[in-house]
Amino acid sequence: MPTIKRKKIEIDAAGQTPGRLATRIAMILMGKAKVGYRTNVDSGDKILVSNVKDMKFTGKKIDQKLYRHHSMHPGGLKEIPAKKMMAEKPEDVLRHAVACMIPKNKLRTQRMLRLKFN
């Protein structure tokens, strides 16, 4: 089995929307930009994202979007507005968007570990 050559790619998130940026990052993490792409081989590159706090939302999304998760107990639904999430943990906004765009299989955790923030 040949060794996989991984490049380190730096991305500046300032002024970009989370969704468009997440699609670019997901493709790089999966290795779809490489010539020898195979779905069962994790051949993606490492990504370092900077200026995440300067991402912008279009329209009224910053006020209307909610991030939800459930503890699986009665009354366990937690909702966090996007404005609060961007103020406290802007990296989690982008991490959540990228995680939703990567296929839900055994390679997902390895791919997500190569996503770093500056």
Protein backbone atom coordinates (compact mmCIF):
# COMPACT_ATOMS: atom_id res chain seq x y z
CA MET A 1 0.00 0.00 0.00
CA PRO A 2 1.55 3.35 -1.02
CA THR A 3 2.11 6.01 1.58
CA ILE A 4 -0.16 9.02 1.47
CA LYS A 5 1.47 12.42 1.02
CA ARG A 6 -0.45 15.04 3.01
CA LYS A 7 0.01 18.74 2.39
CA LYS A 8 -0.72 21.39 4.99
CA ILE A 9 -3.22 23.91 3.63
CA GLU A 10 -3.88 27.24 5.35
CA ILE A 11 -7.25 28.92 4.81
CA ASP A 12 -8.26 32.42 5.84
CA ALA A 13 -11.94 32.47 6.89
CA ALA A 14 -12.27 36.26 7.14
CA GLY A 15 -15.28 37.55 5.20
CA GLN A 16 -16.39 34.10 4.03
CA THR A 17 -19.70 32.39 4.76
CA PRO A 18 -19.56 29.21 6.88
CA GLY A 19 -21.40 27.01 4.37
CA ARG A 20 -19.31 27.84 1.32
CA LEU A 21 -16.13 27.55 3.32
CA ALA A 22 -17.23 24.22 4.82
CA THR A 23 -17.81 22.67 1.39
CA ARG A 24 -14.27 23.62 0.32
CA ILE A 25 -12.79 22.24 3.54
CA ALA A 26 -14.81 19.01 3.34
CA MET A 27 -13.60 18.30 -0.21
CA ILE A 28 -9.97 18.83 0.82
CA LEU A 29 -10.34 16.66 3.95
CA MET A 30 -11.84 13.82 1.90
CA GLY A 31 -9.10 14.10 -0.74
CA LYS A 32 -11.49 14.66 -3.66
CA ALA A 33 -9.16 17.22 -5.21
CA LYS A 34 -6.43 14.61 -5.65
CA VAL A 35 -5.96 12.55 -8.79
CA GLY A 36 -5.97 9.14 -7.07
CA TYR A 37 -9.16 9.68 -5.04
CA ARG A 38 -10.83 6.52 -3.75
CA THR A 39 -13.83 6.51 -1.43
CA ASN A 40 -12.42 3.87 0.91
CA VAL A 41 -9.00 5.52 1.40
CA ASP A 42 -8.47 8.56 3.59
CA SER A 43 -6.08 10.56 1.40
CA GLY A 44 -7.03 14.13 2.33
CA ASP A 45 -4.76 16.95 3.42
CA LYS A 46 -4.35 18.79 6.74
CA ILE A 47 -6.13 22.12 7.08
CA LEU A 48 -5.35 25.08 9.33
CA VAL A 49 -8.12 27.71 9.41
CA SER A 50 -7.42 31.22 10.71
CA ASN A 51 -9.65 34.26 11.43
CA VAL A 52 -12.75 32.14 12.11
CA LYS A 53 -14.24 34.88 14.27
CA ASP A 54 -14.41 37.12 11.16
CA MET A 55 -16.75 34.83 9.20
CA LYS A 56 -19.96 36.47 8.05
CA PHE A 57 -23.53 35.24 7.85
CA THR A 58 -25.77 36.50 5.05
CA GLY A 59 -29.28 37.81 5.54
CA LYS A 60 -30.93 37.23 8.92
CA LYS A 61 -29.22 33.90 9.61
CA ILE A 62 -27.13 35.25 12.51
CA ASP A 63 -30.36 36.12 14.34
CA GLN A 64 -32.57 33.20 13.26
CA LYS A 65 -30.30 30.14 13.06
CA LEU A 66 -30.30 27.75 16.03
CA TYR A 67 -27.87 24.95 16.83
CA ARG A 68 -29.78 22.12 18.50
CA HIS A 69 -28.73 18.98 20.37
CA HIS A 70 -30.63 16.60 22.63
CA SER A 71 -29.45 14.73 25.71
CA MET A 72 -31.99 11.93 25.05
CA HIS A 73 -33.69 12.63 28.38
CA PRO A 74 -37.15 14.18 28.72
CA GLY A 75 -36.87 17.95 28.24
CA GLY A 76 -33.25 17.59 27.10
CA LEU A 77 -33.41 19.71 23.95
CA LYS A 78 -30.79 22.47 24.03
CA GLU A 79 -30.86 25.33 21.56
CA ILE A 80 -28.00 27.78 21.09
CA PRO A 81 -28.52 30.82 18.80
CA ALA A 82 -25.90 31.38 16.10
CA LYS A 83 -25.11 34.85 17.46
CA LYS A 84 -24.18 33.41 20.87
CA MET A 85 -22.20 30.55 19.30
CA MET A 86 -20.21 32.98 17.12
CA ALA A 87 -19.43 35.14 20.15
CA GLU A 88 -18.29 32.26 22.38
CA LYS A 89 -16.96 29.50 20.07
CA PRO A 90 -16.78 30.49 16.40
CA GLU A 91 -14.67 27.40 15.63
CA ASP A 92 -17.58 25.15 16.57
CA VAL A 93 -19.81 26.82 13.98
CA LEU A 94 -17.40 25.88 11.19
CA ARG A 95 -16.60 22.48 12.71
CA HIS A 96 -20.32 21.64 12.81
CA ALA A 97 -20.81 22.70 9.18
CA VAL A 98 -17.83 20.63 7.99
CA ALA A 99 -18.87 17.57 10.03
CA CYS A 100 -22.32 17.62 8.41
CA MET A 101 -20.74 17.65 4.93
CA ILE A 102 -18.35 14.73 5.46
CA PRO A 103 -19.86 11.26 4.87
CA LYS A 104 -21.01 9.48 8.02
CA ASN A 105 -18.64 6.49 7.94
CA LYS A 106 -15.60 5.09 9.77
CA LEU A 107 -13.21 7.60 8.15
CA ARG A 108 -15.11 10.63 9.45
CA THR A 109 -13.31 10.98 12.81
CA GLN A 110 -9.87 10.70 11.20
CA ARG A 111 -10.79 13.37 8.69
CA MET A 112 -12.18 15.73 11.31
CA LEU A 113 -9.02 15.40 13.42
CA ARG A 114 -7.01 16.93 10.55
CA LEU A 115 -9.08 20.15 10.79
CA LYS A 116 -7.24 22.61 13.06
CA PHE A 117 -7.94 26.21 14.02
CA ASN A 118 -5.47 29.03 14.61
